[in-house]
């Protein structure tokens, strides 16, 4: 019998790599709907919500946990992108 990997054992990159480009776009739209216009482009709310999804995933069946972890990974990715955009530019 083959053991399935535990969803919590995947990195964010691995979780997101499991999704097609269309699924990633759908996930981004779902995040936009969840966060609303005022929270979508704010790093802290994205990070907090991602952490909540990660914690709640442990309480779910493996399929639901995987989906929640993928949502959390997408939120963290968006937060990282936003944080990078807001970083001060270095002068040469």
PDB file of N, CA and C in Angstrom:
ATOM      1  N   UNK A   1       0.839  -1.178   0.000  1.00  0.00           N
ATOM      2  CA  UNK A   1       0.000   0.000   0.000  1.00  0.00           C
ATOM      3  C   UNK A   1       0.884   1.240   0.000  1.00  0.00           C
ATOM      4  N   UNK A   2       0.581   2.198  -0.849  1.00  0.00           N
ATOM      5  CA  UNK A   2       1.360   3.421  -0.977  1.00  0.00           C
ATOM      6  C   UNK A   2       0.802   4.485  -0.047  1.00  0.00           C
ATOM      7  N   UNK A   3       1.686   5.084   0.735  1.00  0.00           N
ATOM      8  CA  UNK A   3       1.269   6.175   1.603  1.00  0.00           C
ATOM      9  C   UNK A   3       1.227   7.457   0.798  1.00  0.00           C
ATOM     10  N   UNK A   4       0.135   8.186   0.944  1.00  0.00           N
ATOM     11  CA  UNK A   4       0.033   9.490   0.293  1.00  0.00           C
ATOM     12  C   UNK A   4       0.756  10.502   1.161  1.00  0.00           C
ATOM     13  N   UNK A   5       1.453  11.456   0.535  1.00  0.00           N
ATOM     14  CA  UNK A   5       2.129  12.476   1.332  1.00  0.00           C
ATOM     15  C   UNK A   5       1.112  13.328   2.092  1.00  0.00           C
ATOM     16  N   UNK A   6       1.500  13.769   3.251  1.00  0.00           N
ATOM     17  CA  UNK A   6       0.676  14.644   4.060  1.00  0.00           C
ATOM     18  C   UNK A   6       0.687  16.034   3.407  1.00  0.00           C
ATOM     19  N   UNK A   7      -0.474  16.658   3.209  1.00  0.00           N
ATOM     20  CA  UNK A   7      -0.490  17.976   2.554  1.00  0.00           C
ATOM     21  C   UNK A   7       0.386  19.009   3.258  1.00  0.00           C
ATOM     22  N   UNK A   8       0.535  18.906   4.563  1.00  0.00           N
ATOM     23  CA  UNK A   8       1.349  19.866   5.305  1.00  0.00           C
ATOM     24  C   UNK A   8       2.841  19.731   5.010  1.00  0.00           C
ATOM     25  N   UNK A   9       3.240  18.621   4.370  1.00  0.00           N
ATOM     26  CA  UNK A   9       4.650  18.392   4.076  1.00  0.00           C
ATOM     27  C   UNK A   9       5.135  19.105   2.816  1.00  0.00           C
ATOM     28  N   UNK A  10       4.211  19.669   2.040  1.00  0.00           N
ATOM     29  CA  UNK A  10       4.581  20.353   0.801  1.00  0.00           C
ATOM     30  C   UNK A  10       4.982  21.801   1.076  1.00  0.00           C
ATOM     31  N   UNK A  11       5.947  22.288   0.316  1.00  0.00           N
ATOM     32  CA  UNK A  11       6.316  23.706   0.387  1.00  0.00           C
ATOM     33  C   UNK A  11       5.275  24.521  -0.394  1.00  0.00           C
ATOM     34  N   UNK A  12       5.291  25.833  -0.196  1.00  0.00           N
ATOM     35  CA  UNK A  12       4.382  26.696  -0.960  1.00  0.00           C
ATOM     36  C   UNK A  12       4.598  26.523  -2.457  1.00  0.00           C
ATOM     37  N   UNK A  13       5.856  26.454  -2.876  1.00  0.00           N
ATOM     38  CA  UNK A  13       6.143  26.288  -4.305  1.00  0.00           C
ATOM     39  C   UNK A  13       5.570  24.978  -4.833  1.00  0.00           C
ATOM     40  N   UNK A  14       5.700  23.905  -4.058  1.00  0.00           N
ATOM     41  CA  UNK A  14       5.152  22.605  -4.480  1.00  0.00           C
ATOM     42  C   UNK A  14       3.632  22.643  -4.535  1.00  0.00           C
ATOM     43  N   UNK A  15       3.019  23.290  -3.553  1.00  0.00           N
ATOM     44  CA  UNK A  15       1.552  23.392  -3.537  1.00  0.00           C
ATOM     45  C   UNK A  15       1.050  24.142  -4.768  1.00  0.00           C
ATOM     46  N   UNK A  16       1.707  25.236  -5.101  1.00  0.00           N
ATOM     47  CA  UNK A  16       1.267  26.040  -6.245  1.00  0.00           C
ATOM     48  C   UNK A  16       1.601  25.365  -7.572  1.00  0.00           C
ATOM     49  N   UNK A  17       2.676  24.574  -7.614  1.00  0.00           N
ATOM     50  CA  UNK A  17       3.059  23.872  -8.839  1.00  0.00           C
ATOM     51  C   UNK A  17       2.043  22.799  -9.221  1.00  0.00           C
ATOM     52  N   UNK A  18       1.251  22.356  -8.274  1.00  0.00           N
ATOM     53  CA  UNK A  18       0.220  21.346  -8.547  1.00  0.00           C
ATOM     54  C   UNK A  18      -0.950  21.925  -9.337  1.00  0.00           C
ATOM     55  N   UNK A  19      -1.031  23.230  -9.426  1.00  0.00           N
ATOM     56  CA  UNK A  19      -2.165  23.893 -10.052  1.00  0.00           C
ATOM     57  C   UNK A  19      -1.831  24.341 -11.471  1.00  0.00           C
ATOM     58  N   UNK A  20      -2.832  24.315 -12.311  1.00  0.00           N
ATOM     59  CA  UNK A  20      -2.670  24.822 -13.675  1.00  0.00           C
ATOM     60  C   UNK A  20      -2.713  26.356 -13.634  1.00  0.00           C
ATOM     61  N   UNK A  21      -2.264  27.013 -14.700  1.00  0.00           N
ATOM     62  CA  UNK A  21      -2.351  28.483 -14.736  1.00  0.00           C
ATOM     63  C   UNK A  21      -3.789  28.977 -14.521  1.00  0.00           C
ATOM     64  N   UNK A  22      -4.744  28.272 -15.078  1.00  0.00           N
ATOM     65  CA  UNK A  22      -6.153  28.671 -14.897  1.00  0.00           C
ATOM     66  C   UNK A  22      -6.572  28.546 -13.431  1.00  0.00           C
ATOM     67  N   UNK A  23      -6.148  27.457 -12.786  1.00  0.00           N
ATOM     68  CA  UNK A  23      -6.475  27.273 -11.379  1.00  0.00           C
ATOM     69  C   UNK A  23      -5.816  28.353 -10.516  1.00  0.00           C
ATOM     70  N   UNK A  24      -4.584  28.729 -10.865  1.00  0.00           N
ATOM     71  CA  UNK A  24      -3.914  29.809 -10.136  1.00  0.00           C
ATOM     72  C   UNK A  24      -4.668  31.126 -10.298  1.00  0.00           C
ATOM     73  N   UNK A  25      -5.132  31.389 -11.500  1.00  0.00           N
ATOM     74  CA  UNK A  25      -5.902  32.613 -11.747  1.00  0.00           C
ATOM     75  C   UNK A  25      -7.213  32.579 -10.968  1.00  0.00           C
ATOM     76  N   UNK A  26      -7.871  31.420 -10.954  1.00  0.00           N
ATOM     77  CA  UNK A  26      -9.109  31.267 -10.173  1.00  0.00           C
ATOM     78  C   UNK A  26      -8.840  31.495  -8.691  1.00  0.00           C
ATOM     79  N   UNK A  27      -7.717  30.983  -8.219  1.00  0.00           N
ATOM     80  CA  UNK A  27      -7.339  31.162  -6.820  1.00  0.00           C
ATOM     81  C   UNK A  27      -7.101  32.638  -6.508  1.00  0.00           C
ATOM     82  N   UNK A  28      -6.436  33.340  -7.397  1.00  0.00           N
ATOM     83  CA  UNK A  28      -6.214  34.779  -7.203  1.00  0.00           C
ATOM     84  C   UNK A  28      -7.533  35.540  -7.168  1.00  0.00           C
ATOM     85  N   UNK A  29      -8.481  35.154  -8.018  1.00  0.00           N
ATOM     86  CA  UNK A  29      -9.795  35.800  -8.001  1.00  0.00           C
ATOM     87  C   UNK A  29     -10.529  35.487  -6.699  1.00  0.00           C
ATOM     88  N   UNK A  30     -10.398  34.265  -6.216  1.00  0.00           N
ATOM     89  CA  UNK A  30     -11.038  33.887  -4.948  1.00  0.00           C
ATOM     90  C   UNK A  30     -10.450  34.694  -3.793  1.00  0.00           C
ATOM     91  N   UNK A  31      -9.138  34.892  -3.817  1.00  0.00           N
ATOM     92  CA  UNK A  31      -8.494  35.705  -2.783  1.00  0.00           C
ATOM     93  C   UNK A  31      -9.014  37.138  -2.860  1.00  0.00           C
ATOM     94  N   UNK A  32      -9.132  37.666  -4.062  1.00  0.00           N
ATOM     95  CA  UNK A  32      -9.649  39.027  -4.239  1.00  0.00           C
ATOM     96  C   UNK A  32     -11.064  39.136  -3.678  1.00  0.00           C
ATOM     97  N   UNK A  33     -11.890  38.128  -3.935  1.00  0.00           N
ATOM     98  CA  UNK A  33     -13.246  38.135  -3.412  1.00  0.00           C
ATOM     99  C   UNK A  33     -13.284  38.017  -1.899  1.00  0.00           C
ATOM    100  N   UNK A  34     -12.392  37.234  -1.356  1.00  0.00           N
ATOM    101  CA  UNK A  34     -12.326  37.026   0.088  1.00  0.00           C
ATOM    102  C   UNK A  34     -11.819  38.271   0.817  1.00  0.00           C
ATOM    103  N   UNK A  35     -10.784  38.885   0.285  1.00  0.00           N
ATOM    104  CA  UNK A  35     -10.141  40.008   0.964  1.00  0.00           C
ATOM    105  C   UNK A  35     -10.858  41.332   0.718  1.00  0.00           C
ATOM    106  N   UNK A  36     -11.573  41.434  -0.383  1.00  0.00           N
ATOM    107  CA  UNK A  36     -12.224  42.699  -0.703  1.00  0.00           C
ATOM    108  C   UNK A  36     -11.208  43.714  -1.189  1.00  0.00           C
ATOM    109  N   UNK A  37     -11.670  44.779  -1.799  1.00  0.00           N
ATOM    110  CA  UNK A  37     -10.753  45.754  -2.387  1.00  0.00           C
ATOM    111  C   UNK A  37      -9.836  46.427  -1.364  1.00  0.00           C
ATOM    112  N   UNK A  38     -10.317  46.602  -0.135  1.00  0.00           N
ATOM    113  CA  UNK A  38      -9.483  47.301   0.842  1.00  0.00           C
ATOM    114  C   UNK A  38      -8.368  46.436   1.424  1.00  0.00           C
ATOM    115  N   UNK A  39      -8.507  45.107   1.385  1.00  0.00           N
ATOM    116  CA  UNK A  39      -7.489  44.252   1.971  1.00  0.00           C
ATOM    117  C   UNK A  39      -6.628  43.514   0.973  1.00  0.00           C
ATOM    118  N   UNK A  40      -7.026  43.546  -0.286  1.00  0.00           N
ATOM    119  CA  UNK A  40      -6.353  42.753  -1.306  1.00  0.00           C
ATOM    120  C   UNK A  40      -4.895  43.154  -1.495  1.00  0.00           C
ATOM    121  N   UNK A  41      -4.607  44.421  -1.381  1.00  0.00           N
ATOM    122  CA  UNK A  41      -3.249  44.884  -1.625  1.00  0.00           C
ATOM    123  C   UNK A  41      -2.513  45.252  -0.339  1.00  0.00           C
ATOM    124  N   UNK A  42      -2.905  44.629   0.757  1.00  0.00           N
ATOM    125  CA  UNK A  42      -2.245  44.881   2.033  1.00  0.00           C
ATOM    126  C   UNK A  42      -1.560  43.611   2.501  1.00  0.00           C
ATOM    127  N   UNK A  43      -0.293  43.715   2.795  1.00  0.00           N
ATOM    128  CA  UNK A  43       0.532  42.560   3.130  1.00  0.00           C
ATOM    129  C   UNK A  43       0.066  41.882   4.417  1.00  0.00           C
ATOM    130  N   UNK A  44      -0.149  42.633   5.476  1.00  0.00           N
ATOM    131  CA  UNK A  44      -0.465  42.043   6.782  1.00  0.00           C
ATOM    132  C   UNK A  44      -1.771  41.244   6.757  1.00  0.00           C
ATOM    133  N   UNK A  45      -2.874  41.783   6.228  1.00  0.00           N
ATOM    134  CA  UNK A  45      -4.098  40.965   6.191  1.00  0.00           C
ATOM    135  C   UNK A  45      -3.926  39.671   5.387  1.00  0.00           C
ATOM    136  N   UNK A  46      -3.157  39.727   4.314  1.00  0.00           N
ATOM    137  CA  UNK A  46      -2.906  38.519   3.527  1.00  0.00           C
ATOM    138  C   UNK A  46      -2.115  37.499   4.348  1.00  0.00           C
ATOM    139  N   UNK A  47      -1.099  37.956   5.063  1.00  0.00           N
ATOM    140  CA  UNK A  47      -0.280  37.052   5.863  1.00  0.00           C
ATOM    141  C   UNK A  47      -1.089  36.428   7.003  1.00  0.00           C
ATOM    142  N   UNK A  48      -1.902  37.226   7.664  1.00  0.00           N
ATOM    143  CA  UNK A  48      -2.711  36.730   8.780  1.00  0.00           C
ATOM    144  C   UNK A  48      -3.737  35.716   8.285  1.00  0.00           C
ATOM    145  N   UNK A  49      -4.393  36.019   7.196  1.00  0.00           N
ATOM    146  CA  UNK A  49      -5.391  35.100   6.652  1.00  0.00           C
ATOM    147  C   UNK A  49      -4.730  33.808   6.185  1.00  0.00           C
ATOM    148  N   UNK A  50      -3.566  33.902   5.586  1.00  0.00           N
ATOM    149  CA  UNK A  50      -2.828  32.704   5.162  1.00  0.00           C
ATOM    150  C   UNK A  50      -2.485  31.831   6.368  1.00  0.00           C
ATOM    151  N   UNK A  51      -2.068  32.453   7.451  1.00  0.00           N
ATOM    152  CA  UNK A  51      -1.744  31.692   8.663  1.00  0.00           C
ATOM    153  C   UNK A  51      -2.985  31.002   9.219  1.00  0.00           C
ATOM    154  N   UNK A  52      -4.111  31.686   9.192  1.00  0.00           N
ATOM    155  CA  UNK A  52      -5.362  31.096   9.656  1.00  0.00           C
ATOM    156  C   UNK A  52      -5.742  29.883   8.803  1.00  0.00           C
ATOM    157  N   UNK A  53      -5.634  30.006   7.493  1.00  0.00           N
ATOM    158  CA  UNK A  53      -5.934  28.884   6.600  1.00  0.00           C
ATOM    159  C   UNK A  53      -4.990  27.709   6.874  1.00  0.00           C
ATOM    160  N   UNK A  54      -3.723  28.012   7.135  1.00  0.00           N
ATOM    161  CA  UNK A  54      -2.751  26.955   7.414  1.00  0.00           C
ATOM    162  C   UNK A  54      -3.118  26.214   8.697  1.00  0.00           C
ATOM    163  N   UNK A  55      -3.492  26.948   9.728  1.00  0.00           N
ATOM    164  CA  UNK A  55      -3.888  26.320  10.990  1.00  0.00           C
ATOM    165  C   UNK A  55      -5.155  25.489  10.836  1.00  0.00           C
ATOM    166  N   UNK A  56      -6.121  26.017  10.127  1.00  0.00           N
ATOM    167  CA  UNK A  56      -7.397  25.307   9.930  1.00  0.00           C
ATOM    168  C   UNK A  56      -7.240  24.066   9.054  1.00  0.00           C
ATOM    169  N   UNK A  57      -6.265  24.065   8.183  1.00  0.00           N
ATOM    170  CA  UNK A  57      -6.054  22.919   7.291  1.00  0.00           C
ATOM    171  C   UNK A  57      -5.774  21.650   8.082  1.00  0.00           C
ATOM    172  N   UNK A  58      -5.120  21.783   9.231  1.00  0.00           N
ATOM    173  CA  UNK A  58      -4.794  20.615  10.060  1.00  0.00           C
ATOM    174  C   UNK A  58      -6.045  19.922  10.590  1.00  0.00           C
ATOM    175  N   UNK A  59      -7.158  20.623  10.613  1.00  0.00           N
ATOM    176  CA  UNK A  59      -8.414  20.079  11.130  1.00  0.00           C
ATOM    177  C   UNK A  59      -9.258  19.414  10.035  1.00  0.00           C
ATOM    178  N   UNK A  60      -8.801  19.435   8.824  1.00  0.00           N
ATOM    179  CA  UNK A  60      -9.590  18.966   7.677  1.00  0.00           C
ATOM    180  C   UNK A  60      -9.091  17.633   7.153  1.00  0.00           C
ATOM    181  N   UNK A  61      -9.923  17.028   6.294  1.00  0.00           N
ATOM    182  CA  UNK A  61      -9.511  15.819   5.587  1.00  0.00           C
ATOM    183  C   UNK A  61      -8.406  16.204   4.609  1.00  0.00           C
ATOM    184  N   UNK A  62      -7.609  15.230   4.128  1.00  0.00           N
ATOM    185  CA  UNK A  62      -6.464  15.561   3.283  1.00  0.00           C
ATOM    186  C   UNK A  62      -6.799  16.385   2.036  1.00  0.00           C
ATOM    187  N   UNK A  63      -7.915  16.099   1.387  1.00  0.00           N
ATOM    188  CA  UNK A  63      -8.264  16.851   0.175  1.00  0.00           C
ATOM    189  C   UNK A  63      -8.592  18.298   0.503  1.00  0.00           C
ATOM    190  N   UNK A  64      -9.395  18.503   1.536  1.00  0.00           N
ATOM    191  CA  UNK A  64      -9.729  19.868   1.949  1.00  0.00           C
ATOM    192  C   UNK A  64      -8.495  20.593   2.463  1.00  0.00           C
ATOM    193  N   UNK A  65      -7.653  19.879   3.203  1.00  0.00           N
ATOM    194  CA  UNK A  65      -6.421  20.483   3.727  1.00  0.00           C
ATOM    195  C   UNK A  65      -5.535  20.949   2.586  1.00  0.00           C
ATOM    196  N   UNK A  66      -5.417  20.134   1.549  1.00  0.00           N
ATOM    197  CA  UNK A  66      -4.594  20.504   0.400  1.00  0.00           C
ATOM    198  C   UNK A  66      -5.110  21.794  -0.239  1.00  0.00           C
ATOM    199  N   UNK A  67      -6.408  21.888  -0.434  1.00  0.00           N
ATOM    200  CA  UNK A  67      -6.998  23.089  -1.031  1.00  0.00           C
ATOM    201  C   UNK A  67      -6.765  24.313  -0.149  1.00  0.00           C
ATOM    202  N   UNK A  68      -6.914  24.151   1.158  1.00  0.00           N
ATOM    203  CA  UNK A  68      -6.703  25.277   2.060  1.00  0.00           C
ATOM    204  C   UNK A  68      -5.239  25.709   2.077  1.00  0.00           C
ATOM    205  N   UNK A  69      -4.340  24.743   2.029  1.00  0.00           N
ATOM    206  CA  UNK A  69      -2.914  25.061   2.012  1.00  0.00           C
ATOM    207  C   UNK A  69      -2.513  25.736   0.703  1.00  0.00           C
ATOM    208  N   UNK A  70      -3.146  25.338  -0.399  1.00  0.00           N
ATOM    209  CA  UNK A  70      -2.872  26.005  -1.672  1.00  0.00           C
ATOM    210  C   UNK A  70      -3.361  27.451  -1.635  1.00  0.00           C
ATOM    211  N   UNK A  71      -4.514  27.672  -1.022  1.00  0.00           N
ATOM    212  CA  UNK A  71      -5.026  29.040  -0.878  1.00  0.00           C
ATOM    213  C   UNK A  71      -4.065  29.864  -0.016  1.00  0.00           C
ATOM    214  N   UNK A  72      -3.600  29.283   1.083  1.00  0.00           N
ATOM    215  CA  UNK A  72      -2.661  29.985   1.961  1.00  0.00           C
ATOM    216  C   UNK A  72      -1.361  30.297   1.223  1.00  0.00           C
ATOM    217  N   UNK A  73      -0.875  29.350   0.447  1.00  0.00           N
ATOM    218  CA  UNK A  73       0.366  29.566  -0.318  1.00  0.00           C
ATOM    219  C   UNK A  73       0.186  30.706  -1.316  1.00  0.00           C
ATOM    220  N   UNK A  74      -0.962  30.756  -1.966  1.00  0.00           N
ATOM    221  CA  UNK A  74      -1.226  31.831  -2.926  1.00  0.00           C
ATOM    222  C   UNK A  74      -1.300  33.179  -2.208  1.00  0.00           C
ATOM    223  N   UNK A  75      -1.871  33.201  -1.010  1.00  0.00           N
ATOM    224  CA  UNK A  75      -1.934  34.447  -0.234  1.00  0.00           C
ATOM    225  C   UNK A  75      -0.532  34.902   0.166  1.00  0.00           C
ATOM    226  N   UNK A  76       0.292  33.963   0.622  1.00  0.00           N
ATOM    227  CA  UNK A  76       1.659  34.324   0.995  1.00  0.00           C
ATOM    228  C   UNK A  76       2.442  34.819  -0.214  1.00  0.00           C
ATOM    229  N   UNK A  77       2.220  34.173  -1.376  1.00  0.00           N
ATOM    230  CA  UNK A  77       2.899  34.611  -2.607  1.00  0.00           C
ATOM    231  C   UNK A  77       2.501  36.047  -2.943  1.00  0.00           C
ATOM    232  N   UNK A  78       1.205  36.341  -2.855  1.00  0.00           N
ATOM    233  CA  UNK A  78       0.734  37.691  -3.158  1.00  0.00           C
ATOM    234  C   UNK A  78       1.319  38.699  -2.165  1.00  0.00           C
ATOM    235  N   UNK A  79       1.362  38.330  -0.886  1.00  0.00           N
ATOM    236  CA  UNK A  79       1.922  39.223   0.135  1.00  0.00           C
ATOM    237  C   UNK A  79       3.399  39.489  -0.139  1.00  0.00           C
ATOM    238  N   UNK A  80       4.135  38.443  -0.528  1.00  0.00           N
ATOM    239  CA  UNK A  80       5.559  38.619  -0.839  1.00  0.00           C
ATOM    240  C   UNK A  80       5.748  39.542  -2.037  1.00  0.00           C
ATOM    241  N   UNK A  81       4.913  39.368  -3.055  1.00  0.00           N
ATOM    242  CA  UNK A  81       4.995  40.244  -4.227  1.00  0.00           C
ATOM    243  C   UNK A  81       4.708  41.693  -3.848  1.00  0.00           C
ATOM    244  N   UNK A  82       3.682  41.888  -3.028  1.00  0.00           N
ATOM    245  CA  UNK A  82       3.342  43.247  -2.602  1.00  0.00           C
ATOM    246  C   UNK A  82       4.450  43.853  -1.757  1.00  0.00           C
ATOM    247  N   UNK A  83       5.013  43.061  -0.863  1.00  0.00           N
ATOM    248  CA  UNK A  83       6.099  43.559  -0.011  1.00  0.00           C
ATOM    249  C   UNK A  83       7.300  43.948  -0.869  1.00  0.00           C
ATOM    250  N   UNK A  84       7.578  43.171  -1.907  1.00  0.00           N
ATOM    251  CA  UNK A  84       8.682  43.478  -2.813  1.00  0.00           C
ATOM    252  C   UNK A  84       8.450  44.746  -3.598  1.00  0.00           C
ATOM    253  N   UNK A  85       7.194  44.975  -3.989  1.00  0.00           N
ATOM    254  CA  UNK A  85       6.864  46.183  -4.743  1.00  0.00           C
ATOM    255  C   UNK A  85       7.007  47.427  -3.884  1.00  0.00           C
ATOM    256  N   UNK A  86       6.778  47.281  -2.585  1.00  0.00           N
ATOM    257  CA  UNK A  86       6.809  48.434  -1.693  1.00  0.00           C
ATOM    258  C   UNK A  86       8.181  48.631  -1.063  1.00  0.00           C
ATOM    259  N   UNK A  87       9.113  47.750  -1.366  1.00  0.00           N
ATOM    260  CA  UNK A  87      10.455  47.894  -0.809  1.00  0.00           C
ATOM    261  C   UNK A  87      11.099  49.155  -1.383  1.00  0.00           C
ATOM    262  N   UNK A  88      11.891  49.841  -0.578  1.00  0.00           N
ATOM    263  CA  UNK A  88      12.555  51.030  -1.103  1.00  0.00           C
ATOM    264  C   UNK A  88      13.506  50.675  -2.242  1.00  0.00           C
ATOM    265  N   UNK A  89      13.515  51.491  -3.264  1.00  0.00           N
ATOM    266  CA  UNK A  89      14.400  51.263  -4.403  1.00  0.00           C
ATOM    267  C   UNK A  89      15.796  51.733  -4.054  1.00  0.00           C
ATOM    268  N   UNK A  90      16.772  50.932  -4.445  1.00  0.00           N
ATOM    269  CA  UNK A  90      18.150  51.296  -4.181  1.00  0.00           C
ATOM    270  C   UNK A  90      18.671  52.152  -5.326  1.00  0.00           C
ATOM    271  N   UNK A  91      19.453  53.143  -4.978  1.00  0.00           N
ATOM    272  CA  UNK A  91      20.063  54.005  -5.974  1.00  0.00           C
ATOM    273  C   UNK A  91      21.414  53.457  -6.350  1.00  0.00           C
ATOM    274  N   UNK A  92      21.731  53.503  -7.618  1.00  0.00           N
ATOM    275  CA  UNK A  92      23.045  53.028  -8.078  1.00  0.00           C
ATOM    276  C   UNK A  92      24.090  54.096  -7.965  1.00  0.00           C
TER     277      UNK A  92
END
